Amino acid sequence: MIIGSDIVMTENKDRGKLAYEMRVSTRISWSDIAEELGYSSHKGASVAARSYAKRIGFPWPIRGITKGESIYRCKRLGMSWMKIAQRYGQSIKAVQRCSYKYAKRNTKVWPPC
């Protein structure tokens, strides 16, 4: 019985980490994160992410990021340009240009691989 609760606890910690990383990397809403990770509400996803951040020592609340930074991070995480463009409802060239401008303004590596 104790092992089972340890597994559930580990899964919850993993979901908190995923919720935090999704919010930081992609700027998607807590509701969308909750739906993606199987939380019953946006509040559950937010609380799990906050708990994860406090446990690890990461910043909370999460600072807002620009669209360019979000696109750049998505690409660094391995998303395709096509998927990113679909998420933002823009052409591939438009999201690439936005990410490029962010990289150049902030002295980041280009292309973000």
N, C-alpha and C. Protein backbone atom coordinates (compact mmCIF):
# COMPACT_ATOMS: atom_id res chain seq x y z
N MET A 1 0.82 -1.20 0.00
CA MET A 1 0.00 0.00 0.00
C MET A 1 0.86 1.26 0.00
N ILE A 2 1.93 1.25 0.75
CA ILE A 2 2.81 2.42 0.79
C ILE A 2 3.46 2.64 -0.57
N ILE A 3 3.82 1.56 -1.24
CA ILE A 3 4.45 1.68 -2.56
C ILE A 3 3.49 2.36 -3.53
N GLY A 4 2.24 1.97 -3.50
CA GLY A 4 1.24 2.58 -4.37
C GLY A 4 1.12 4.08 -4.15
N SER A 5 1.11 4.50 -2.89
CA SER A 5 1.01 5.94 -2.62
C SER A 5 2.27 6.67 -3.06
N ASP A 6 3.43 6.00 -2.98
CA ASP A 6 4.67 6.61 -3.47
C ASP A 6 4.61 6.82 -4.97
N ILE A 7 4.04 5.87 -5.68
CA ILE A 7 3.90 5.99 -7.14
C ILE A 7 2.98 7.15 -7.48
N VAL A 8 1.85 7.25 -6.79
CA VAL A 8 0.92 8.36 -7.03
C VAL A 8 1.60 9.69 -6.73
N MET A 9 2.35 9.75 -5.63
CA MET A 9 3.05 10.97 -5.26
C MET A 9 4.06 11.36 -6.33
N THR A 10 4.80 10.38 -6.86
CA THR A 10 5.78 10.64 -7.91
C THR A 10 5.09 11.14 -9.17
N GLU A 11 3.97 10.52 -9.53
CA GLU A 11 3.24 10.95 -10.72
C GLU A 11 2.75 12.39 -10.57
N ASN A 12 2.27 12.74 -9.38
CA ASN A 12 1.81 14.10 -9.13
C ASN A 12 2.95 15.10 -9.23
N LYS A 13 4.12 14.74 -8.71
CA LYS A 13 5.29 15.61 -8.82
C LYS A 13 5.69 15.80 -10.28
N ASP A 14 5.64 14.71 -11.04
CA ASP A 14 5.97 14.78 -12.47
C ASP A 14 4.99 15.68 -13.20
N ARG A 15 3.71 15.56 -12.86
CA ARG A 15 2.72 16.42 -13.52
C ARG A 15 2.93 17.88 -13.14
N GLY A 16 3.31 18.13 -11.90
CA GLY A 16 3.61 19.50 -11.49
C GLY A 16 4.77 20.08 -12.28
N LYS A 17 5.79 19.25 -12.47
CA LYS A 17 6.95 19.68 -13.26
C LYS A 17 6.52 19.97 -14.70
N LEU A 18 5.74 19.07 -15.28
CA LEU A 18 5.27 19.27 -16.65
C LEU A 18 4.41 20.52 -16.76
N ALA A 19 3.53 20.72 -15.78
CA ALA A 19 2.66 21.90 -15.80
C ALA A 19 3.51 23.17 -15.76
N TYR A 20 4.51 23.19 -14.88
CA TYR A 20 5.39 24.36 -14.76
C TYR A 20 6.12 24.60 -16.08
N GLU A 21 6.72 23.55 -16.62
CA GLU A 21 7.51 23.71 -17.85
C GLU A 21 6.64 24.10 -19.04
N MET A 22 5.43 23.56 -19.10
CA MET A 22 4.52 23.93 -20.19
C MET A 22 4.17 25.42 -20.11
N ARG A 23 3.89 25.89 -18.91
CA ARG A 23 3.51 27.28 -18.75
C ARG A 23 4.68 28.21 -19.07
N VAL A 24 5.87 27.85 -18.61
CA VAL A 24 7.05 28.68 -18.86
C VAL A 24 7.41 28.68 -20.34
N SER A 25 7.36 27.52 -20.96
CA SER A 25 7.85 27.38 -22.33
C SER A 25 6.86 27.83 -23.39
N THR A 26 5.60 27.60 -23.16
CA THR A 26 4.65 27.79 -24.26
C THR A 26 3.62 28.88 -24.05
N ARG A 27 3.52 29.45 -22.86
CA ARG A 27 2.57 30.51 -22.55
C ARG A 27 1.12 30.07 -22.71
N ILE A 28 0.84 28.79 -22.73
CA ILE A 28 -0.56 28.38 -22.88
C ILE A 28 -1.28 28.54 -21.55
N SER A 29 -2.59 28.59 -21.61
CA SER A 29 -3.39 28.86 -20.41
C SER A 29 -3.36 27.69 -19.44
N TRP A 30 -3.65 28.01 -18.18
CA TRP A 30 -3.72 26.95 -17.17
C TRP A 30 -4.82 25.96 -17.51
N SER A 31 -5.89 26.42 -18.11
CA SER A 31 -6.99 25.52 -18.50
C SER A 31 -6.52 24.51 -19.54
N ASP A 32 -5.77 24.98 -20.52
CA ASP A 32 -5.24 24.07 -21.55
C ASP A 32 -4.23 23.09 -20.96
N ILE A 33 -3.41 23.57 -20.04
CA ILE A 33 -2.44 22.69 -19.38
C ILE A 33 -3.17 21.63 -18.57
N ALA A 34 -4.20 22.05 -17.84
CA ALA A 34 -4.99 21.12 -17.03
C ALA A 34 -5.61 20.03 -17.90
N GLU A 35 -6.16 20.43 -19.01
CA GLU A 35 -6.77 19.47 -19.93
C GLU A 35 -5.74 18.50 -20.49
N GLU A 36 -4.60 19.02 -20.87
CA GLU A 36 -3.53 18.22 -21.46
C GLU A 36 -2.97 17.19 -20.47
N LEU A 37 -2.86 17.59 -19.20
CA LEU A 37 -2.23 16.72 -18.20
C LEU A 37 -3.22 15.95 -17.34
N GLY A 38 -4.51 16.15 -17.58
CA GLY A 38 -5.52 15.37 -16.88
C GLY A 38 -5.94 15.90 -15.53
N TYR A 39 -5.74 17.19 -15.28
CA TYR A 39 -6.24 17.79 -14.04
C TYR A 39 -7.73 18.06 -14.22
N SER A 40 -8.45 18.11 -13.11
CA SER A 40 -9.89 18.35 -13.20
C SER A 40 -10.21 19.84 -13.38
N SER A 41 -9.25 20.71 -13.06
CA SER A 41 -9.48 22.14 -13.24
C SER A 41 -8.15 22.86 -13.46
N HIS A 42 -8.26 24.11 -13.89
CA HIS A 42 -7.06 24.93 -14.09
C HIS A 42 -6.35 25.17 -12.77
N LYS A 43 -7.11 25.24 -11.68
CA LYS A 43 -6.54 25.48 -10.36
C LYS A 43 -5.60 24.35 -9.95
N GLY A 44 -5.98 23.11 -10.26
CA GLY A 44 -5.14 21.96 -9.91
C GLY A 44 -3.79 22.02 -10.60
N ALA A 45 -3.79 22.39 -11.88
CA ALA A 45 -2.54 22.50 -12.63
C ALA A 45 -1.67 23.62 -12.06
N SER A 46 -2.30 24.74 -11.74
CA SER A 46 -1.57 25.88 -11.21
C SER A 46 -0.96 25.56 -9.84
N VAL A 47 -1.73 24.93 -8.97
CA VAL A 47 -1.24 24.58 -7.63
C VAL A 47 -0.09 23.58 -7.71
N ALA A 48 -0.22 22.58 -8.60
CA ALA A 48 0.85 21.58 -8.76
C ALA A 48 2.13 22.25 -9.28
N ALA A 49 1.98 23.16 -10.23
CA ALA A 49 3.15 23.86 -10.77
C ALA A 49 3.80 24.73 -9.69
N ARG A 50 2.98 25.41 -8.89
CA ARG A 50 3.51 26.24 -7.81
C ARG A 50 4.26 25.39 -6.79
N SER A 51 3.69 24.25 -6.42
CA SER A 51 4.35 23.34 -5.46
C SER A 51 5.69 22.88 -6.01
N TYR A 52 5.70 22.52 -7.29
CA TYR A 52 6.95 22.09 -7.93
C TYR A 52 7.98 23.22 -7.88
N ALA A 53 7.56 24.43 -8.25
CA ALA A 53 8.48 25.56 -8.29
C ALA A 53 9.06 25.85 -6.91
N LYS A 54 8.23 25.82 -5.89
CA LYS A 54 8.69 26.08 -4.52
C LYS A 54 9.66 24.99 -4.05
N ARG A 55 9.34 23.73 -4.39
CA ARG A 55 10.18 22.61 -3.98
C ARG A 55 11.57 22.69 -4.62
N ILE A 56 11.63 23.08 -5.87
CA ILE A 56 12.89 23.12 -6.62
C ILE A 56 13.62 24.46 -6.43
N GLY A 57 12.88 25.48 -6.06
CA GLY A 57 13.49 26.80 -5.91
C GLY A 57 13.40 27.64 -7.17
N PHE A 58 12.48 27.31 -8.05
CA PHE A 58 12.27 28.08 -9.27
C PHE A 58 11.38 29.29 -8.96
N PRO A 59 11.43 30.29 -9.81
CA PRO A 59 10.65 31.50 -9.56
C PRO A 59 9.14 31.24 -9.62
N TRP A 60 8.43 31.86 -8.69
CA TRP A 60 6.97 31.85 -8.70
C TRP A 60 6.51 33.18 -8.12
N PRO A 61 5.58 33.86 -8.74
CA PRO A 61 4.87 33.45 -9.95
C PRO A 61 5.77 33.51 -11.18
N ILE A 62 5.35 32.80 -12.19
CA ILE A 62 6.11 32.74 -13.43
C ILE A 62 6.00 34.09 -14.13
N ARG A 63 7.15 34.63 -14.49
CA ARG A 63 7.14 35.92 -15.19
C ARG A 63 6.60 35.74 -16.60
N GLY A 64 5.98 36.76 -17.10
CA GLY A 64 5.48 36.72 -18.47
C GLY A 64 6.62 36.72 -19.47
N ILE A 65 6.43 36.05 -20.57
CA ILE A 65 7.46 36.04 -21.60
C ILE A 65 6.85 36.53 -22.91
N THR A 66 7.70 37.01 -23.77
CA THR A 66 7.22 37.51 -25.06
C THR A 66 6.89 36.36 -25.99
N LYS A 67 6.16 36.68 -27.03
CA LYS A 67 5.83 35.68 -28.03
C LYS A 67 7.10 35.13 -28.67
N GLY A 68 8.05 35.99 -28.96
CA GLY A 68 9.31 35.56 -29.57
C GLY A 68 10.07 34.58 -28.69
N GLU A 69 10.11 34.88 -27.39
CA GLU A 69 10.78 33.99 -26.45
C GLU A 69 10.04 32.65 -26.36
N SER A 70 8.73 32.71 -26.36
CA SER A 70 7.94 31.48 -26.31
C SER A 70 8.19 30.60 -27.52
N ILE A 71 8.21 31.21 -28.69
CA ILE A 71 8.47 30.46 -29.92
C ILE A 71 9.87 29.87 -29.89
N TYR A 72 10.84 30.67 -29.47
CA TYR A 72 12.22 30.22 -29.38
C TYR A 72 12.33 29.02 -28.44
N ARG A 73 11.69 29.10 -27.26
CA ARG A 73 11.73 27.99 -26.31
C ARG A 73 11.05 26.74 -26.86
N CYS A 74 9.92 26.92 -27.52
CA CYS A 74 9.23 25.76 -28.11
C CYS A 74 10.14 25.05 -29.10
N LYS A 75 10.83 25.81 -29.90
CA LYS A 75 11.75 25.22 -30.88
C LYS A 75 12.90 24.51 -30.18
N ARG A 76 13.42 25.13 -29.11
CA ARG A 76 14.51 24.50 -28.34
C ARG A 76 14.06 23.18 -27.70
N LEU A 77 12.76 23.10 -27.37
CA LEU A 77 12.22 21.88 -26.78
C LEU A 77 11.92 20.80 -27.82
N GLY A 78 12.10 21.13 -29.09
CA GLY A 78 11.95 20.13 -30.13
C GLY A 78 10.69 20.21 -30.96
N MET A 79 9.85 21.22 -30.75
CA MET A 79 8.65 21.36 -31.57
C MET A 79 9.05 21.76 -32.99
N SER A 80 8.29 21.30 -33.95
CA SER A 80 8.57 21.66 -35.34
C SER A 80 8.04 23.07 -35.61
N TRP A 81 8.63 23.71 -36.63
CA TRP A 81 8.15 25.03 -37.01
C TRP A 81 6.68 24.98 -37.40
N MET A 82 6.30 23.90 -38.06
CA MET A 82 4.91 23.77 -38.49
C MET A 82 3.95 23.74 -37.29
N LYS A 83 4.30 22.96 -36.28
CA LYS A 83 3.46 22.85 -35.08
C LYS A 83 3.38 24.20 -34.36
N ILE A 84 4.51 24.89 -34.26
CA ILE A 84 4.53 26.20 -33.61
C ILE A 84 3.66 27.18 -34.40
N ALA A 85 3.80 27.17 -35.72
CA ALA A 85 3.00 28.06 -36.57
C ALA A 85 1.50 27.79 -36.40
N GLN A 86 1.13 26.52 -36.32
CA GLN A 86 -0.27 26.16 -36.10
C GLN A 86 -0.76 26.68 -34.76
N ARG A 87 0.07 26.55 -33.73
CA ARG A 87 -0.32 27.01 -32.39
C ARG A 87 -0.61 28.50 -32.37
N TYR A 88 0.17 29.28 -33.13
CA TYR A 88 0.00 30.73 -33.15
C TYR A 88 -0.87 31.23 -34.29
N GLY A 89 -1.30 30.32 -35.15
CA GLY A 89 -2.16 30.72 -36.26
C GLY A 89 -1.44 31.62 -37.25
N GLN A 90 -0.15 31.36 -37.46
CA GLN A 90 0.65 32.17 -38.36
C GLN A 90 1.42 31.26 -39.31
N SER A 91 2.05 31.87 -40.30
CA SER A 91 2.87 31.09 -41.23
C SER A 91 4.17 30.68 -40.56
N ILE A 92 4.81 29.68 -41.14
CA ILE A 92 6.10 29.23 -40.62
C ILE A 92 7.11 30.37 -40.67
N LYS A 93 7.13 31.10 -41.77
CA LYS A 93 8.07 32.22 -41.90
C LYS A 93 7.84 33.29 -40.83
N ALA A 94 6.59 33.54 -40.49
CA ALA A 94 6.28 34.56 -39.47
C ALA A 94 6.80 34.15 -38.10
N VAL A 95 6.61 32.89 -37.71
CA VAL A 95 7.09 32.46 -36.38
C VAL A 95 8.62 32.36 -36.38
N GLN A 96 9.20 31.97 -37.49
CA GLN A 96 10.66 31.93 -37.57
C GLN A 96 11.23 33.35 -37.42
N ARG A 97 10.63 34.31 -38.10
CA ARG A 97 11.09 35.69 -38.04
C ARG A 97 10.96 36.24 -36.61
N CYS A 98 9.85 35.94 -35.97
CA CYS A 98 9.62 36.40 -34.59
C CYS A 98 10.67 35.81 -33.65
N SER A 99 10.95 34.52 -33.81
CA SER A 99 11.94 33.85 -32.98
C SER A 99 13.34 34.39 -33.27
N TYR A 100 13.63 34.63 -34.54
CA TYR A 100 14.93 35.17 -34.95
C TYR A 100 15.18 36.53 -34.30
N LYS A 101 14.16 37.39 -34.35
CA LYS A 101 14.31 38.73 -33.76
C LYS A 101 14.55 38.63 -32.26
N TYR A 102 13.84 37.73 -31.60
CA TYR A 102 14.06 37.53 -30.16
C TYR A 102 15.50 37.09 -29.91
N ALA A 103 15.98 36.12 -30.70
CA ALA A 103 17.34 35.59 -30.52
C ALA A 103 18.38 36.68 -30.70
N LYS A 104 18.24 37.48 -31.72
CA LYS A 104 19.22 38.53 -31.99
C LYS A 104 19.20 39.63 -30.94
N ARG A 105 18.00 40.00 -30.47
CA ARG A 105 17.89 41.04 -29.45
C ARG A 105 18.46 40.60 -28.10
N ASN A 106 18.45 39.30 -27.86
CA ASN A 106 18.86 38.78 -26.56
C ASN A 106 20.11 37.93 -26.62
N THR A 107 20.86 38.08 -27.69
CA THR A 107 22.13 37.35 -27.91
C THR A 107 22.00 35.86 -27.63
N LYS A 108 20.99 35.25 -28.24
CA LYS A 108 20.77 33.80 -28.13
C LYS A 108 21.30 33.13 -29.38
N VAL A 109 21.54 31.86 -29.29
CA VAL A 109 22.04 31.07 -30.43
C VAL A 109 20.96 30.96 -31.49
N TRP A 110 21.35 31.16 -32.73
CA TRP A 110 20.41 30.97 -33.85
C TRP A 110 21.04 30.02 -34.83
N PRO A 111 20.33 29.05 -35.36
CA PRO A 111 18.95 28.68 -35.07
C PRO A 111 18.83 27.93 -33.75
N PRO A 112 17.65 28.00 -33.13
CA PRO A 112 17.46 27.32 -31.84
C PRO A 112 17.25 25.82 -32.04
N CYS A 113 18.28 25.05 -31.90
CA CYS A 113 18.18 23.60 -32.13
C CYS A 113 18.11 22.82 -30.84
